[in-house]
C-alpha cells in the first residue's frame, strides 16, 4: 500500500494498483473503469454506469478518446487487467 502519498513513486504505484483492481472489478470495461476511477466504484454501481456528474462525464469522454486513439499502438490496458498483482 501507499504509506506516503507525497512520495511520487508510491503515489503512482498506488494509483496503478487501484486502476488494475478497477479493471478487474469491471471485467476489463475501460469506460466503467474510467468512471469509477474518477467518481468512485460506488457511484458507478449506484447509477449502473457513468454517473451524471459533469466532471466525470468530461473525464470519461477524454479518457475514452485517448484510449481509442492509442488502442492499436498500446494494448497495455488489457495486459494490465490480466497481469497478476506485483508485491513491492
Protein backbone atom coordinates (compact mmCIF):
# COMPACT_ATOMS: atom_id res chain seq x y z
CA UNK A 1 0.00 0.00 0.00
CA UNK A 2 0.85 3.66 -0.11
CA UNK A 3 2.40 4.87 3.12
CA UNK A 4 3.32 8.36 1.93
CA UNK A 5 1.07 9.91 -0.73
CA UNK A 6 3.62 12.70 -1.18
CA UNK A 7 6.20 10.18 -2.44
CA UNK A 8 5.74 10.23 -6.25
CA UNK A 9 6.78 6.60 -6.71
CA UNK A 10 4.41 5.32 -4.02
CA UNK A 11 1.64 7.54 -5.33
CA UNK A 12 1.99 6.26 -8.91
CA UNK A 13 2.25 2.63 -7.77
CA UNK A 14 -0.84 3.05 -5.60
CA UNK A 15 -2.79 4.65 -8.45
CA UNK A 16 -1.81 1.87 -10.83
CA UNK A 17 -2.74 -0.81 -8.30
CA UNK A 18 -6.15 0.83 -7.88
CA UNK A 19 -6.59 1.07 -11.66
CA UNK A 20 -5.69 -2.62 -12.04
CA UNK A 21 -8.20 -3.51 -9.31
CA UNK A 22 -10.93 -1.45 -11.01
CA UNK A 23 -10.21 -3.06 -14.40
CA UNK A 24 -10.70 -6.47 -12.82
CA UNK A 25 -13.80 -5.43 -10.90
CA UNK A 26 -15.40 -4.09 -14.08
CA UNK A 27 -14.16 -7.06 -16.14
CA UNK A 28 -11.88 -5.02 -18.40
CA UNK A 29 -14.56 -2.43 -19.26
CA UNK A 30 -12.44 0.67 -19.81
CA UNK A 31 -15.41 3.07 -19.80
CA UNK A 32 -16.70 1.83 -16.44
CA UNK A 33 -13.16 1.71 -15.05
CA UNK A 34 -12.51 5.33 -16.05
CA UNK A 35 -15.81 6.43 -14.49
CA UNK A 36 -15.05 4.53 -11.29
CA UNK A 37 -11.51 5.91 -11.12
CA UNK A 38 -12.93 9.43 -11.24
CA UNK A 39 -16.22 9.16 -9.32
CA UNK A 40 -15.64 6.02 -7.24
CA UNK A 41 -16.87 2.49 -7.86
CA UNK A 42 -19.86 3.03 -5.56
CA UNK A 43 -21.18 5.88 -7.73
CA UNK A 44 -20.81 3.78 -10.89
CA UNK A 45 -22.70 0.92 -9.25
CA UNK A 46 -25.45 3.22 -7.91
CA UNK A 47 -26.06 4.71 -11.36
CA UNK A 48 -25.50 1.47 -13.26
CA UNK A 49 -22.96 3.20 -15.47
CA UNK A 50 -21.22 6.54 -15.81
CA UNK A 51 -22.62 8.90 -13.15
CA UNK A 52 -24.25 12.11 -14.42
CA UNK A 53 -21.61 14.31 -12.79
CA UNK A 54 -20.24 16.92 -15.22
CA UNK A 55 -16.65 16.31 -14.12
CA UNK A 56 -16.96 12.54 -14.53
CA UNK A 57 -18.72 12.82 -17.90
CA UNK A 58 -15.92 15.03 -19.24
CA UNK A 59 -13.19 12.86 -17.70
CA UNK A 60 -14.63 9.70 -19.26
CA UNK A 61 -15.04 11.43 -22.64
CA UNK A 62 -11.37 12.49 -22.63
CA UNK A 63 -10.08 9.12 -21.42
CA UNK A 64 -12.10 7.18 -23.99
CA UNK A 65 -10.94 9.46 -26.83
CA UNK A 66 -7.33 8.92 -25.78
CA UNK A 67 -7.89 5.18 -25.32
CA UNK A 68 -9.45 4.75 -28.77
CA UNK A 69 -6.65 6.77 -30.40
CA UNK A 70 -3.90 4.77 -28.72
CA UNK A 71 -5.54 1.34 -28.53
CA UNK A 72 -3.91 -0.02 -31.68
CA UNK A 73 -0.49 1.18 -30.52
CA UNK A 74 -0.61 0.16 -26.88
CA UNK A 75 -2.79 -2.77 -25.82
CA UNK A 76 -1.40 -2.19 -22.32
CA UNK A 77 -4.74 -1.82 -20.56
CA UNK A 78 -5.76 -5.38 -21.43
CA UNK A 79 -2.36 -6.63 -20.32
CA UNK A 80 -2.62 -4.60 -17.12
CA UNK A 81 -6.08 -6.01 -16.38
CA UNK A 82 -4.84 -9.58 -16.71
CA UNK A 83 -1.46 -9.17 -15.00
CA UNK A 84 -1.10 -10.61 -11.51
CA UNK A 85 -0.57 -8.06 -8.75
CA UNK A 86 3.08 -7.35 -8.00
CA UNK A 87 4.41 -7.22 -4.48
CA UNK A 88 6.57 -4.20 -3.69
